[in-house]
Amino acid sequence: MSKLKFKDYENLTLISQIALIMIIPIFAGLFFGKWLDEKLQTGNIFLLVMIILGVIIAFLNLFKYTMKGIKNKNDEDE
């Protein structure tokens, strides 16, 4: 069996961070929307709105994280 190199661990960390950046806002929207619907007895309106909001926030966070990584990569190259 070959040992993982430092770069492999770095890539695993990157994938884990991206997964958390995407999953946490979506699940937070799911749970908060469901809670609001139960409290206000509105069906699934808030659930859908909060999930959509969570997806938008997740992609904005991913965009910011990616742009920060690109900036750091460019700074290292200079």
C-alpha atoms as a PDB file:
ATOM      1  CA  MET A   1       0.000   0.000   0.000  1.00  0.00           C
ATOM      2  CA  SER A   2       1.272   3.417  -0.861  1.00  0.00           C
ATOM      3  CA  LYS A   3       1.243   6.186   1.686  1.00  0.00           C
ATOM      4  CA  LEU A   4      -0.693   9.333   1.010  1.00  0.00           C
ATOM      5  CA  LYS A   5       1.448  12.361   0.334  1.00  0.00           C
ATOM      6  CA  PHE A   6       0.921  15.763   1.914  1.00  0.00           C
ATOM      7  CA  LYS A   7      -0.768  16.991  -1.283  1.00  0.00           C
ATOM      8  CA  ASP A   8      -3.284  14.144  -1.049  1.00  0.00           C
ATOM      9  CA  TYR A   9      -4.214  15.171   2.493  1.00  0.00           C
ATOM     10  CA  GLU A  10      -4.482  18.762   1.345  1.00  0.00           C
ATOM     11  CA  ASN A  11      -6.911  17.703  -1.403  1.00  0.00           C
ATOM     12  CA  LEU A  12      -9.000  15.672   1.065  1.00  0.00           C
ATOM     13  CA  THR A  13      -9.210  18.712   3.326  1.00  0.00           C
ATOM     14  CA  LEU A  14     -10.312  20.877   0.399  1.00  0.00           C
ATOM     15  CA  ILE A  15     -13.063  18.422  -0.567  1.00  0.00           C
ATOM     16  CA  SER A  16     -14.271  18.247   3.042  1.00  0.00           C
ATOM     17  CA  GLN A  17     -14.398  22.028   3.333  1.00  0.00           C
ATOM     18  CA  ILE A  18     -16.335  22.359   0.094  1.00  0.00           C
ATOM     19  CA  ALA A  19     -18.794  19.685   1.223  1.00  0.00           C
ATOM     20  CA  LEU A  20     -19.414  21.470   4.522  1.00  0.00           C
ATOM     21  CA  ILE A  21     -19.732  24.850   2.789  1.00  0.00           C
ATOM     22  CA  MET A  22     -22.458  23.367   0.591  1.00  0.00           C
ATOM     23  CA  ILE A  23     -24.298  21.109   3.064  1.00  0.00           C
ATOM     24  CA  ILE A  24     -24.633  23.260   6.189  1.00  0.00           C
ATOM     25  CA  PRO A  25     -26.670  26.167   4.707  1.00  0.00           C
ATOM     26  CA  ILE A  26     -28.985  23.784   2.834  1.00  0.00           C
ATOM     27  CA  PHE A  27     -29.743  21.674   5.902  1.00  0.00           C
ATOM     28  CA  ALA A  28     -30.110  24.779   8.053  1.00  0.00           C
ATOM     29  CA  GLY A  29     -32.694  26.076   5.575  1.00  0.00           C
ATOM     30  CA  LEU A  30     -34.447  22.721   5.596  1.00  0.00           C
ATOM     31  CA  PHE A  31     -34.739  22.526   9.372  1.00  0.00           C
ATOM     32  CA  PHE A  32     -35.585  26.207   9.870  1.00  0.00           C
ATOM     33  CA  GLY A  33     -38.182  26.143   7.090  1.00  0.00           C
ATOM     34  CA  LYS A  34     -39.793  23.012   8.490  1.00  0.00           C
ATOM     35  CA  TRP A  35     -39.851  24.546  11.974  1.00  0.00           C
ATOM     36  CA  LEU A  36     -41.478  27.739  10.665  1.00  0.00           C
ATOM     37  CA  ASP A  37     -44.086  25.749   8.740  1.00  0.00           C
ATOM     38  CA  GLU A  38     -44.965  23.756  11.840  1.00  0.00           C
ATOM     39  CA  LYS A  39     -45.227  26.859  14.033  1.00  0.00           C
ATOM     40  CA  LEU A  40     -47.237  28.902  11.522  1.00  0.00           C
ATOM     41  CA  GLN A  41     -49.110  25.959   9.969  1.00  0.00           C
ATOM     42  CA  THR A  42     -48.400  27.144   6.422  1.00  0.00           C
ATOM     43  CA  GLY A  43     -47.884  23.838   4.612  1.00  0.00           C
ATOM     44  CA  ASN A  44     -44.505  23.717   2.896  1.00  0.00           C
ATOM     45  CA  ILE A  45     -44.086  27.340   1.811  1.00  0.00           C
ATOM     46  CA  PHE A  46     -41.310  28.272   4.231  1.00  0.00           C
ATOM     47  CA  LEU A  47     -39.614  24.906   3.703  1.00  0.00           C
ATOM     48  CA  LEU A  48     -39.254  25.561  -0.024  1.00  0.00           C
ATOM     49  CA  VAL A  49     -38.230  29.186   0.438  1.00  0.00           C
ATOM     50  CA  MET A  50     -35.603  28.337   3.053  1.00  0.00           C
ATOM     51  CA  ILE A  51     -34.156  25.468   1.013  1.00  0.00           C
ATOM     52  CA  ILE A  52     -33.830  27.746  -2.025  1.00  0.00           C
ATOM     53  CA  LEU A  53     -32.256  30.415   0.171  1.00  0.00           C
ATOM     54  CA  GLY A  54     -29.877  27.784   1.601  1.00  0.00           C
ATOM     55  CA  VAL A  55     -28.819  26.709  -1.902  1.00  0.00           C
ATOM     56  CA  ILE A  56     -28.177  30.328  -2.911  1.00  0.00           C
ATOM     57  CA  ILE A  57     -26.136  30.953   0.240  1.00  0.00           C
ATOM     58  CA  ALA A  58     -24.202  27.710  -0.301  1.00  0.00           C
ATOM     59  CA  PHE A  59     -23.217  28.702  -3.825  1.00  0.00           C
ATOM     60  CA  LEU A  60     -22.283  32.223  -2.737  1.00  0.00           C
ATOM     61  CA  ASN A  61     -20.064  30.751  -0.004  1.00  0.00           C
ATOM     62  CA  LEU A  62     -18.506  28.373  -2.522  1.00  0.00           C
ATOM     63  CA  PHE A  63     -17.863  31.267  -4.902  1.00  0.00           C
ATOM     64  CA  LYS A  64     -16.214  33.341  -2.157  1.00  0.00           C
ATOM     65  CA  TYR A  65     -14.098  30.373  -1.050  1.00  0.00           C
ATOM     66  CA  THR A  66     -12.998  29.693  -4.619  1.00  0.00           C
ATOM     67  CA  MET A  67     -12.111  33.314  -5.295  1.00  0.00           C
ATOM     68  CA  LYS A  68     -10.106  33.451  -2.065  1.00  0.00           C
ATOM     69  CA  GLY A  69      -8.225  30.315  -3.155  1.00  0.00           C
ATOM     70  CA  ILE A  70      -7.507  31.803  -6.577  1.00  0.00           C
ATOM     71  CA  LYS A  71      -6.231  35.014  -4.982  1.00  0.00           C
ATOM     72  CA  ASN A  72      -3.976  33.061  -2.611  1.00  0.00           C
ATOM     73  CA  LYS A  73      -2.667  30.977  -5.532  1.00  0.00           C
ATOM     74  CA  ASN A  74      -1.883  34.125  -7.522  1.00  0.00           C
ATOM     75  CA  ASP A  75      -0.116  35.676  -4.526  1.00  0.00           C
ATOM     76  CA  GLU A  76       2.058  32.553  -4.159  1.00  0.00           C
ATOM     77  CA  ASP A  77       3.015  32.650  -7.842  1.00  0.00           C
ATOM     78  CA  GLU A  78       4.281  36.238  -7.628  1.00  0.00           C
END
